[in-house]
Amino acid sequence: MMPRTLEPELLDSLPPDHPDALHNRRDLRLVNRFMGNHRWLARTLPLLLHPGESALELGAGTGELGLRLITAGVPVDGLDLWPRPAAWPAARQWHSTNLLTFPGYDAYAAVIGNLIFHQFSAAELASVGAVIRRHARIILAREPARRRIAQQAYRVLAPLFGANHVSRHDGYVSIAAGFDGDELPRALGLDPAEWDCNCVITTGYAYQMVAIRRP
């Protein structure tokens, strides 16, 4: 099995308005479209939320996924180190903070993450999982599947869709930091006696997790 390894991503060293960061956002839109990440989350989350419940998107970035959900009537707030997007609705909160130290998880029945959990070590995932699982009823994640063939495919495809050096580097190391099997729910400390977890790898090499707390 390909071992999970973490390396710093170049995007984390850039300010949000840096030209390379702006190009990376464009590349990420294409990657998300290819992997079907936003489509899957937009299709899955509304079916699981109960009336009156709201969701928190971790690593919400430019807010594109959250805006798609909000436009569809799903109550979602965003959390990211980046500043609040200009288009983010005034009625929805944007938490400009670190997800590892965020104190407000108790306000959300659902926590969703798109290409974010793979950025953290096992110890960091255990730490945030200890907080999330105390409050959330639903945890959805869409991450890179840790497959050498996915790395090889990305190396070939990235130059073809015009990915810049930041995207080419970060995409490759993101796959190496991705997940396989039941690694993510185990890393978050989701006890099988308390949580129903379903993890699959899609044809687009996305690792998806649906975790629902048992009644």
Protein backbone atom coordinates (compact mmCIF):
# COMPACT_ATOMS: atom_id res chain seq x y z
CA MET A 1 0.00 0.00 0.00
CA MET A 2 1.19 3.52 -0.79
CA PRO A 3 2.18 5.14 2.54
CA ARG A 4 0.51 8.37 3.56
CA THR A 5 2.98 11.27 3.53
CA LEU A 6 2.50 14.96 4.22
CA GLU A 7 4.43 17.78 2.58
CA PRO A 8 3.77 21.53 2.78
CA GLU A 9 1.54 22.86 0.01
CA LEU A 10 2.83 25.90 -1.86
CA LEU A 11 -0.55 27.62 -1.75
CA ASP A 12 -0.32 27.91 2.03
CA SER A 13 2.70 30.21 1.64
CA LEU A 14 0.93 32.65 -0.71
CA PRO A 15 -1.39 35.58 0.09
CA PRO A 16 -4.91 35.18 -1.36
CA ASP A 17 -4.35 37.87 -4.01
CA HIS A 18 -1.04 36.52 -5.32
CA PRO A 19 -1.21 35.77 -9.08
CA ASP A 20 -0.13 32.16 -8.48
CA ALA A 21 -2.87 31.76 -5.87
CA LEU A 22 -5.45 33.19 -8.26
CA HIS A 23 -4.35 30.76 -10.98
CA ASN A 24 -4.50 27.93 -8.46
CA ARG A 25 -8.15 28.75 -7.72
CA ARG A 26 -8.91 28.37 -11.41
CA ASP A 27 -7.09 25.03 -11.47
CA LEU A 28 -8.95 23.82 -8.38
CA ARG A 29 -12.26 24.59 -10.05
CA LEU A 30 -11.29 22.26 -12.89
CA VAL A 31 -10.07 19.57 -10.49
CA ASN A 32 -13.30 19.73 -8.49
CA ARG A 33 -15.30 19.51 -11.69
CA PHE A 34 -13.35 16.47 -12.88
CA MET A 35 -13.63 14.72 -9.50
CA GLY A 36 -17.29 15.70 -9.13
CA ASN A 37 -16.71 16.97 -5.60
CA HIS A 38 -19.13 19.87 -5.53
CA ARG A 39 -21.81 17.93 -7.38
CA TRP A 40 -21.62 15.08 -4.90
CA LEU A 41 -21.72 17.29 -1.82
CA ALA A 42 -24.55 19.41 -3.24
CA ARG A 43 -26.51 16.23 -3.94
CA THR A 44 -25.76 14.43 -0.69
CA LEU A 45 -25.94 17.04 2.08
CA PRO A 46 -29.55 18.26 1.55
CA LEU A 47 -30.85 14.69 1.81
CA LEU A 48 -29.24 14.21 5.22
CA LEU A 49 -29.99 17.51 6.98
CA HIS A 50 -33.05 17.72 9.20
CA PRO A 51 -35.22 20.86 9.27
CA GLY A 52 -33.61 23.56 11.35
CA GLU A 53 -30.11 22.08 11.10
CA SER A 54 -27.20 23.91 9.52
CA ALA A 55 -23.82 22.89 8.16
CA LEU A 56 -20.28 24.19 8.42
CA GLU A 57 -17.86 23.89 5.51
CA LEU A 58 -14.25 23.49 6.62
CA GLY A 59 -11.62 25.05 4.39
CA ALA A 60 -14.28 26.91 2.46
CA GLY A 61 -11.70 28.84 0.41
CA THR A 62 -13.35 31.12 -2.11
CA GLY A 63 -16.81 30.03 -1.01
CA GLU A 64 -17.87 28.48 -4.32
CA LEU A 65 -19.24 25.26 -2.83
CA GLY A 66 -20.96 27.06 0.02
CA LEU A 67 -22.56 29.55 -2.34
CA ARG A 68 -23.85 26.71 -4.48
CA LEU A 69 -25.45 25.10 -1.42
CA ILE A 70 -26.84 28.38 -0.07
CA THR A 71 -28.38 29.19 -3.46
CA ALA A 72 -30.10 25.79 -3.31
CA GLY A 73 -31.55 26.68 0.08
CA VAL A 74 -29.10 24.75 2.27
CA PRO A 75 -28.02 26.68 5.41
CA VAL A 76 -24.21 26.62 5.31
CA ASP A 77 -21.58 28.74 7.02
CA GLY A 78 -17.93 28.86 5.98
CA LEU A 79 -14.65 28.50 7.86
CA ASP A 80 -11.26 29.31 6.42
CA LEU A 81 -8.07 31.20 7.17
CA TRP A 82 -8.76 33.24 4.03
CA PRO A 83 -10.95 36.35 4.33
CA ARG A 84 -14.69 36.35 3.78
CA PRO A 85 -15.49 36.26 0.04
CA ALA A 86 -17.13 39.39 -1.31
CA ALA A 87 -20.09 37.39 -2.60
CA TRP A 88 -20.73 35.58 0.69
CA PRO A 89 -24.30 36.36 1.87
CA ALA A 90 -24.63 38.66 4.85
CA ALA A 91 -27.14 36.25 6.39
CA ARG A 92 -24.55 33.45 6.60
CA GLN A 93 -21.52 33.46 8.87
CA TRP A 94 -17.91 33.27 7.72
CA HIS A 95 -15.39 32.25 10.37
CA SER A 96 -11.90 33.48 9.49
CA THR A 97 -10.01 31.17 11.81
CA ASN A 98 -8.12 27.91 12.12
CA LEU A 99 -10.36 24.84 12.11
CA LEU A 100 -8.11 23.20 14.73
CA THR A 101 -8.92 25.88 17.31
CA PHE A 102 -12.44 26.93 16.24
CA PRO A 103 -14.68 27.03 19.34
CA GLY A 104 -18.09 27.01 17.63
CA TYR A 105 -18.60 23.46 16.35
CA ASP A 106 -21.50 22.97 18.74
CA ALA A 107 -23.68 25.18 16.51
CA TYR A 108 -23.57 22.76 13.57
CA ALA A 109 -25.30 19.44 13.00
CA ALA A 110 -23.23 18.79 9.87
CA VAL A 111 -19.59 19.37 9.07
CA ILE A 112 -18.38 19.05 5.49
CA GLY A 113 -14.90 19.14 4.04
CA ASN A 114 -13.79 19.25 0.42
CA LEU A 115 -10.07 18.66 -0.18
CA ILE A 116 -9.17 19.80 3.34
CA PHE A 117 -8.75 16.85 5.73
CA HIS A 118 -5.75 15.49 3.82
CA GLN A 119 -3.75 18.57 4.80
CA PHE A 120 -3.55 17.49 8.43
CA SER A 121 -1.44 14.98 10.32
CA ALA A 122 -2.87 12.02 12.21
CA ALA A 123 -2.49 13.93 15.49
CA GLU A 124 -4.27 16.99 14.10
CA LEU A 125 -7.11 14.89 12.69
CA ALA A 126 -7.51 13.18 16.05
CA SER A 127 -7.65 16.58 17.75
CA VAL A 128 -10.29 18.09 15.48
CA GLY A 129 -12.21 14.82 15.37
CA ALA A 130 -12.47 14.81 19.16
CA VAL A 131 -14.35 18.12 18.96
CA ILE A 132 -16.44 17.50 15.84
CA ARG A 133 -17.75 14.12 16.92
CA ARG A 134 -19.07 15.54 20.18
CA HIS A 135 -21.46 17.84 18.37
CA ALA A 136 -22.01 16.86 14.73
CA ARG A 137 -24.55 14.34 13.54
CA ILE A 138 -23.21 14.28 9.98
CA ILE A 139 -19.66 14.47 8.63
CA LEU A 140 -19.11 14.48 4.87
CA ALA A 141 -15.71 14.50 3.22
CA ARG A 142 -14.41 14.43 -0.31
CA GLU A 143 -10.64 13.98 -0.47
CA PRO A 144 -7.92 12.67 -2.79
CA ALA A 145 -7.71 8.90 -3.01
CA ARG A 146 -4.15 7.83 -2.24
CA ARG A 147 -3.28 6.00 -5.44
CA ARG A 148 -0.04 6.03 -7.43
CA ILE A 149 -2.07 5.80 -10.63
CA ALA A 150 -3.85 9.01 -9.59
CA GLN A 151 -0.49 10.76 -9.17
CA GLN A 152 0.64 9.50 -12.55
CA ALA A 153 -2.59 10.63 -14.19
CA TYR A 154 -2.33 14.05 -12.57
CA ARG A 155 1.23 14.51 -13.78
CA VAL A 156 0.01 13.91 -17.33
CA LEU A 157 -3.25 15.87 -17.16
CA ALA A 158 -2.17 18.93 -15.15
CA PRO A 159 -0.05 20.50 -17.92
CA LEU A 160 -2.81 19.77 -20.43
CA PHE A 161 -5.36 21.93 -18.59
CA GLY A 162 -2.80 24.67 -17.95
CA ALA A 163 -2.12 24.06 -14.26
CA ASN A 164 0.57 26.34 -12.87
CA HIS A 165 3.54 25.19 -10.81
CA VAL A 166 1.64 25.63 -7.54
CA SER A 167 -1.20 23.41 -8.68
CA ARG A 168 1.12 20.80 -10.15
CA HIS A 169 3.08 20.55 -6.90
CA ASP A 170 0.13 20.74 -4.53
CA GLY A 171 -1.98 18.28 -6.48
CA TYR A 172 0.76 15.67 -6.45
CA VAL A 173 1.50 15.98 -2.72
CA SER A 174 -2.22 16.11 -1.93
CA ILE A 175 -2.71 12.69 -3.46
CA ALA A 176 0.18 11.35 -1.35
CA ALA A 177 -1.58 12.73 1.73
CA GLY A 178 -4.98 11.32 0.75
CA PHE A 179 -6.88 8.42 2.23
CA ASP A 180 -7.73 4.80 1.62
CA GLY A 181 -10.17 2.36 3.22
CA ASP A 182 -11.51 3.49 6.58
CA GLU A 183 -8.49 5.66 7.38
CA LEU A 184 -10.34 8.96 7.68
CA PRO A 185 -13.09 7.87 10.09
CA ARG A 186 -10.48 6.08 12.18
CA ALA A 187 -8.27 9.18 12.17
CA LEU A 188 -11.23 11.29 13.34
CA GLY A 189 -11.95 8.76 16.09
CA LEU A 190 -15.41 7.81 14.83
CA ASP A 191 -16.37 4.77 16.89
CA PRO A 192 -18.20 2.18 14.72
CA ALA A 193 -20.50 1.54 17.66
CA GLU A 194 -21.69 5.16 17.46
CA TRP A 195 -21.21 6.08 13.82
CA ASP A 196 -22.29 4.55 10.51
CA CYS A 197 -19.43 5.31 8.11
CA ASN A 198 -19.32 4.59 4.39
CA CYS A 199 -16.07 5.24 2.52
CA VAL A 200 -15.63 4.63 -1.20
CA ILE A 201 -13.20 5.58 -3.93
CA THR A 202 -14.80 6.90 -7.11
CA THR A 203 -13.77 6.47 -10.72
CA GLY A 204 -12.35 10.00 -10.57
CA TYR A 205 -10.02 8.96 -7.73
CA ALA A 206 -11.96 10.81 -5.09
CA TYR A 207 -12.16 9.40 -1.58
CA GLN A 208 -15.58 10.10 -0.16
CA MET A 209 -16.82 9.56 3.37
CA VAL A 210 -20.35 9.70 4.71
CA ALA A 211 -20.45 9.45 8.50
CA ILE A 212 -23.76 9.62 10.36
CA ARG A 213 -24.14 9.35 14.11
CA ARG A 214 -26.44 6.54 15.14
CA PRO A 215 -29.64 7.58 16.98
